[in-house]
Amino acid sequence: MITNTPRRIVNVWYILTQVFLIGIFVPSWIGMDGMDGGFGLSFLAGFMALLGIIIIFVYRSRAKQLDKILSGEGQIASWRYSPEEWKRFVVADFEAEKKLKRNLFLMVCVISVIIGIVLMLVVQNPIVIIIIAGLLVVVAIPAFWAPRYRFRKLEHSEAESLISERGVIVGKMFHLWTGLGARLDAVTLENSSDLSILVFQYSIPTRNGRQDEIARVPIPYGKLSEANWIVNHFNTLPL
């Protein structure tokens, strides 16, 4: 059964944000001197309250969109899978994500090495090597961790998916391309000998430009003609 995880996140952060807002004034209420840590505690509580407001703003928007999808608004298809179909998909998705993240990491490595060589020639300071190495470690962690997190989440999900005009839900994975500047860029169909997958490419705005994301939806046995109709449907819309 698909549940609204963003809604639960919003509810939790509503409570936490209220606690942090109260925490801003606690040092003065208990008579703690500002120079003895009162200012620091108030600042930390204020920072966490601000973070909570941002999280609530982002996830409340996602929760509202997910509520609409789960209510059937704009629904295009709802599919369930046999255990064998789901297992094949989870493994295929993991391999595709590993390859994608590995290629991105290698590209960052190449660019970082080139920049490092140029900086070494200009600055001639060994600190450049440490900075580049640190950057590569920071990039390597999500590149290694993200595909495995996605694999575990799908592995422990119900074998079901839901496709709508606003986004798709695949197991416990929620992909949204409506609101907050997100957009759907392309929809394609990938066929292999034992698995067919709908691929939704969308992007979301970030501080450094747009970030590309991919949602993969396995096509159950006997649903290939419906999947082709879905591809044509989305490709006739202004993306």
Protein backbone atom coordinates (compact mmCIF):
# COMPACT_ATOMS: atom_id res chain seq x y z
CA MET A 1 0.00 0.00 0.00
CA ILE A 2 1.49 3.34 -1.10
CA THR A 3 1.66 5.86 1.75
CA ASN A 4 2.33 9.59 1.79
CA THR A 5 5.82 9.66 3.29
CA PRO A 6 6.30 13.42 2.66
CA ARG A 7 3.17 14.06 4.73
CA ARG A 8 4.69 12.20 7.68
CA ILE A 9 7.90 14.20 7.31
CA VAL A 10 5.90 17.45 7.37
CA ASN A 11 4.04 16.40 10.51
CA VAL A 12 7.25 15.49 12.31
CA TRP A 13 8.94 18.76 11.38
CA TYR A 14 5.91 20.79 12.42
CA ILE A 15 6.48 19.50 15.96
CA LEU A 16 10.27 19.84 15.84
CA THR A 17 10.08 23.40 14.49
CA GLN A 18 7.78 24.45 17.31
CA VAL A 19 10.20 22.92 19.82
CA PHE A 20 13.14 24.78 18.27
CA LEU A 21 11.20 28.06 18.25
CA ILE A 22 10.56 27.68 21.96
CA GLY A 23 14.21 26.72 22.42
CA ILE A 24 15.30 30.16 21.20
CA PHE A 25 13.92 31.72 24.39
CA VAL A 26 14.80 28.94 26.86
CA PRO A 27 18.24 30.36 27.83
CA SER A 28 16.69 33.67 28.88
CA TRP A 29 13.83 31.90 30.68
CA ILE A 30 16.21 29.84 32.81
CA GLY A 31 18.57 32.76 33.40
CA MET A 32 21.50 31.42 31.37
CA ASP A 33 24.05 34.11 30.62
CA GLY A 34 24.52 34.76 26.92
CA MET A 35 28.30 34.62 27.15
CA ASP A 36 28.13 31.27 28.98
CA GLY A 37 26.42 29.54 26.08
CA GLY A 38 23.01 31.18 26.03
CA PHE A 39 23.64 33.01 22.76
CA GLY A 40 25.00 29.83 21.20
CA LEU A 41 21.99 27.74 22.21
CA SER A 42 19.56 30.39 20.99
CA PHE A 43 21.41 30.67 17.68
CA LEU A 44 21.42 26.89 17.22
CA ALA A 45 17.70 26.66 18.03
CA GLY A 46 16.96 29.53 15.62
CA PHE A 47 18.99 27.89 12.86
CA MET A 48 17.15 24.57 13.34
CA ALA A 49 13.79 26.36 13.36
CA LEU A 50 14.67 28.06 10.07
CA LEU A 51 15.76 24.71 8.63
CA GLY A 52 12.47 23.21 9.77
CA ILE A 53 10.47 25.93 8.02
CA ILE A 54 12.34 25.25 4.78
CA ILE A 55 11.78 21.49 5.07
CA ILE A 56 8.08 22.02 5.80
CA PHE A 57 7.73 24.33 2.79
CA VAL A 58 9.39 21.87 0.40
CA TYR A 59 7.79 18.67 1.70
CA ARG A 60 4.33 20.18 2.18
CA SER A 61 4.29 20.96 -1.54
CA ARG A 62 5.37 17.40 -2.35
CA ALA A 63 2.83 15.98 0.12
CA LYS A 64 -0.01 17.93 -1.50
CA GLN A 65 0.97 16.69 -4.96
CA LEU A 66 1.23 13.13 -3.66
CA ASP A 67 -2.21 13.43 -2.05
CA LYS A 68 -3.62 14.39 -5.45
CA ILE A 69 -1.88 11.47 -7.15
CA LEU A 70 -3.09 8.99 -4.53
CA SER A 71 -6.64 10.35 -4.82
CA GLY A 72 -6.60 9.38 -8.50
CA GLU A 73 -6.39 12.92 -9.89
CA GLY A 74 -4.56 12.82 -13.22
CA GLN A 75 -3.92 9.08 -12.89
CA ILE A 76 -2.82 7.36 -16.09
CA ALA A 77 -1.89 3.84 -14.98
CA SER A 78 -1.68 1.71 -11.85
CA TRP A 79 0.36 -1.48 -12.13
CA ARG A 80 1.21 -4.39 -9.87
CA TYR A 81 3.96 -6.95 -10.44
CA SER A 82 4.76 -10.55 -9.73
CA PRO A 83 7.66 -11.17 -7.30
CA GLU A 84 9.87 -12.27 -10.21
CA GLU A 85 9.10 -9.15 -12.26
CA TRP A 86 9.83 -6.87 -9.31
CA LYS A 87 13.08 -8.62 -8.44
CA ARG A 88 14.35 -8.30 -12.02
CA PHE A 89 13.44 -4.61 -12.03
CA VAL A 90 15.13 -3.84 -8.69
CA VAL A 91 18.37 -5.45 -9.88
CA ALA A 92 18.21 -3.71 -13.29
CA ASP A 93 17.51 -0.34 -11.67
CA PHE A 94 20.45 -0.80 -9.29
CA GLU A 95 22.84 -1.63 -12.13
CA ALA A 96 21.64 1.36 -14.16
CA GLU A 97 22.03 3.72 -11.18
CA LYS A 98 25.51 2.38 -10.40
CA LYS A 99 26.61 2.95 -13.99
CA LEU A 100 25.11 6.45 -14.09
CA LYS A 101 26.66 7.55 -10.79
CA ARG A 102 30.02 5.96 -11.70
CA ASN A 103 30.14 7.82 -15.01
CA LEU A 104 29.29 11.11 -13.29
CA PHE A 105 31.98 10.50 -10.68
CA LEU A 106 34.59 9.72 -13.36
CA MET A 107 33.65 12.91 -15.20
CA VAL A 108 34.10 14.92 -12.00
CA CYS A 109 37.46 13.18 -11.43
CA VAL A 110 38.71 14.14 -14.88
CA ILE A 111 37.59 17.76 -14.51
CA SER A 112 39.06 17.98 -10.99
CA VAL A 113 42.41 16.58 -12.11
CA ILE A 114 42.61 19.06 -14.99
CA ILE A 115 41.73 21.96 -12.68
CA GLY A 116 44.21 20.67 -10.10
CA ILE A 117 47.05 20.54 -12.64
CA VAL A 118 46.28 24.09 -13.81
CA LEU A 119 46.15 25.38 -10.22
CA MET A 120 49.40 23.61 -9.34
CA LEU A 121 51.13 25.30 -12.27
CA VAL A 122 49.74 28.69 -11.25
CA VAL A 123 49.75 28.54 -7.45
CA GLN A 124 52.54 25.98 -6.96
CA ASN A 125 51.25 24.99 -3.55
CA PRO A 126 50.74 21.36 -2.39
CA ILE A 127 47.55 22.41 -0.61
CA VAL A 128 45.84 22.24 -4.01
CA ILE A 129 46.31 18.45 -4.05
CA ILE A 130 44.68 18.13 -0.61
CA ILE A 131 41.73 20.28 -1.67
CA ILE A 132 41.16 18.28 -4.88
CA ALA A 133 41.49 14.97 -3.00
CA GLY A 134 38.98 16.17 -0.39
CA LEU A 135 36.56 17.21 -3.12
CA LEU A 136 36.77 13.78 -4.75
CA VAL A 137 36.07 12.06 -1.42
CA VAL A 138 33.00 14.25 -0.88
CA VAL A 139 31.71 13.44 -4.38
CA ALA A 140 32.52 9.72 -4.06
CA ILE A 141 30.39 9.20 -0.95
CA PRO A 142 26.96 9.97 -2.54
CA ALA A 143 28.05 8.33 -5.82
CA PHE A 144 28.65 5.08 -3.92
CA TRP A 145 25.82 5.39 -1.38
CA ALA A 146 22.87 6.66 -3.47
CA PRO A 147 22.39 3.57 -5.73
CA ARG A 148 22.54 1.25 -2.71
CA TYR A 149 20.04 3.33 -0.76
CA ARG A 150 17.68 3.27 -3.75
CA PHE A 151 18.17 -0.50 -4.12
CA ARG A 152 17.30 -1.18 -0.47
CA LYS A 153 14.25 1.11 -0.64
CA LEU A 154 12.88 -0.63 -3.73
CA GLU A 155 13.77 -4.08 -2.42
CA HIS A 156 11.57 -3.51 0.65
CA SER A 157 8.72 -1.86 -1.29
CA GLU A 158 5.38 -3.21 -2.37
CA ALA A 159 5.55 -4.43 -5.98
CA GLU A 160 3.39 -1.67 -7.42
CA SER A 161 3.64 1.60 -9.34
CA LEU A 162 1.37 4.50 -10.16
CA ILE A 163 1.77 6.85 -13.12
CA SER A 164 0.09 10.25 -13.23
CA GLU A 165 0.37 13.55 -15.04
CA ARG A 166 2.26 15.03 -12.06
CA GLY A 167 4.73 12.25 -11.34
CA VAL A 168 5.19 8.57 -10.68
CA ILE A 169 5.35 6.38 -7.60
CA VAL A 170 7.45 3.23 -7.86
CA GLY A 171 7.31 1.18 -4.68
CA LYS A 172 8.45 3.64 -2.01
CA MET A 173 10.14 5.95 -4.53
CA PHE A 174 8.24 9.17 -5.29
CA HIS A 175 9.19 11.21 -8.38
CA LEU A 176 7.51 14.55 -8.95
CA TRP A 177 7.93 16.90 -11.91
CA THR A 178 5.25 19.44 -10.96
CA GLY A 179 5.88 22.48 -8.76
CA LEU A 180 8.99 24.14 -7.31
CA GLY A 181 10.43 24.62 -10.81
CA ALA A 182 10.57 20.91 -11.69
CA ARG A 183 9.76 19.75 -15.22
CA LEU A 184 9.44 16.57 -17.24
CA ASP A 185 12.03 16.47 -20.04
CA ALA A 186 11.53 13.15 -21.82
CA VAL A 187 9.70 9.81 -21.65
CA THR A 188 11.14 6.76 -23.38
CA LEU A 189 10.70 3.00 -23.42
CA GLU A 190 13.62 0.62 -22.93
CA ASN A 191 13.25 -3.01 -24.00
CA SER A 192 15.47 -5.95 -23.11
CA SER A 193 15.08 -9.69 -23.42
CA ASP A 194 13.40 -10.13 -20.03
CA LEU A 195 12.37 -6.63 -18.91
CA SER A 196 10.77 -3.51 -20.39
CA ILE A 197 10.98 -0.20 -18.53
CA LEU A 198 9.41 3.23 -18.92
CA VAL A 199 12.03 5.90 -18.32
CA PHE A 200 10.93 9.35 -17.17
CA GLN A 201 13.68 11.97 -17.35
CA TYR A 202 12.95 15.10 -15.35
CA SER A 203 14.92 17.93 -13.82
CA ILE A 204 14.73 20.10 -10.73
CA PRO A 205 16.32 23.50 -10.10
CA THR A 206 19.32 23.66 -7.78
CA ARG A 207 21.74 26.33 -6.69
CA ASN A 208 24.14 25.38 -9.50
CA GLY A 209 21.59 24.98 -12.31
CA ARG A 210 19.22 22.13 -13.11
CA GLN A 211 19.74 18.64 -11.73
CA ASP A 212 18.69 15.72 -13.92
CA GLU A 213 16.76 12.85 -12.34
CA ILE A 214 15.49 9.54 -13.70
CA ALA A 215 12.41 7.56 -12.72
CA ARG A 216 12.21 4.00 -14.02
CA VAL A 217 8.87 2.21 -14.07
CA PRO A 218 8.85 -1.52 -14.93
CA ILE A 219 6.21 -2.63 -17.41
CA PRO A 220 4.24 -5.69 -16.23
CA TYR A 221 3.59 -8.62 -18.49
CA GLY A 222 0.81 -7.84 -20.97
CA LYS A 223 1.03 -4.05 -20.52
CA LEU A 224 3.46 -3.18 -23.33
CA SER A 225 0.77 -1.67 -25.58
CA GLU A 226 -0.44 0.49 -22.69
CA ALA A 227 3.16 1.56 -22.04
CA ASN A 228 3.56 2.62 -25.67
CA TRP A 229 0.37 4.68 -25.37
CA ILE A 230 1.82 6.37 -22.23
CA VAL A 231 5.02 7.28 -24.08
CA ASN A 232 3.01 8.78 -26.95
CA HIS A 233 0.75 10.58 -24.48
CA PHE A 234 3.59 12.35 -22.70
CA ASN A 235 5.54 13.05 -25.88
CA THR A 236 2.58 14.88 -27.38
CA LEU A 237 2.44 17.21 -24.37
CA PRO A 238 4.53 20.40 -24.22
CA LEU A 239 7.40 19.31 -21.96
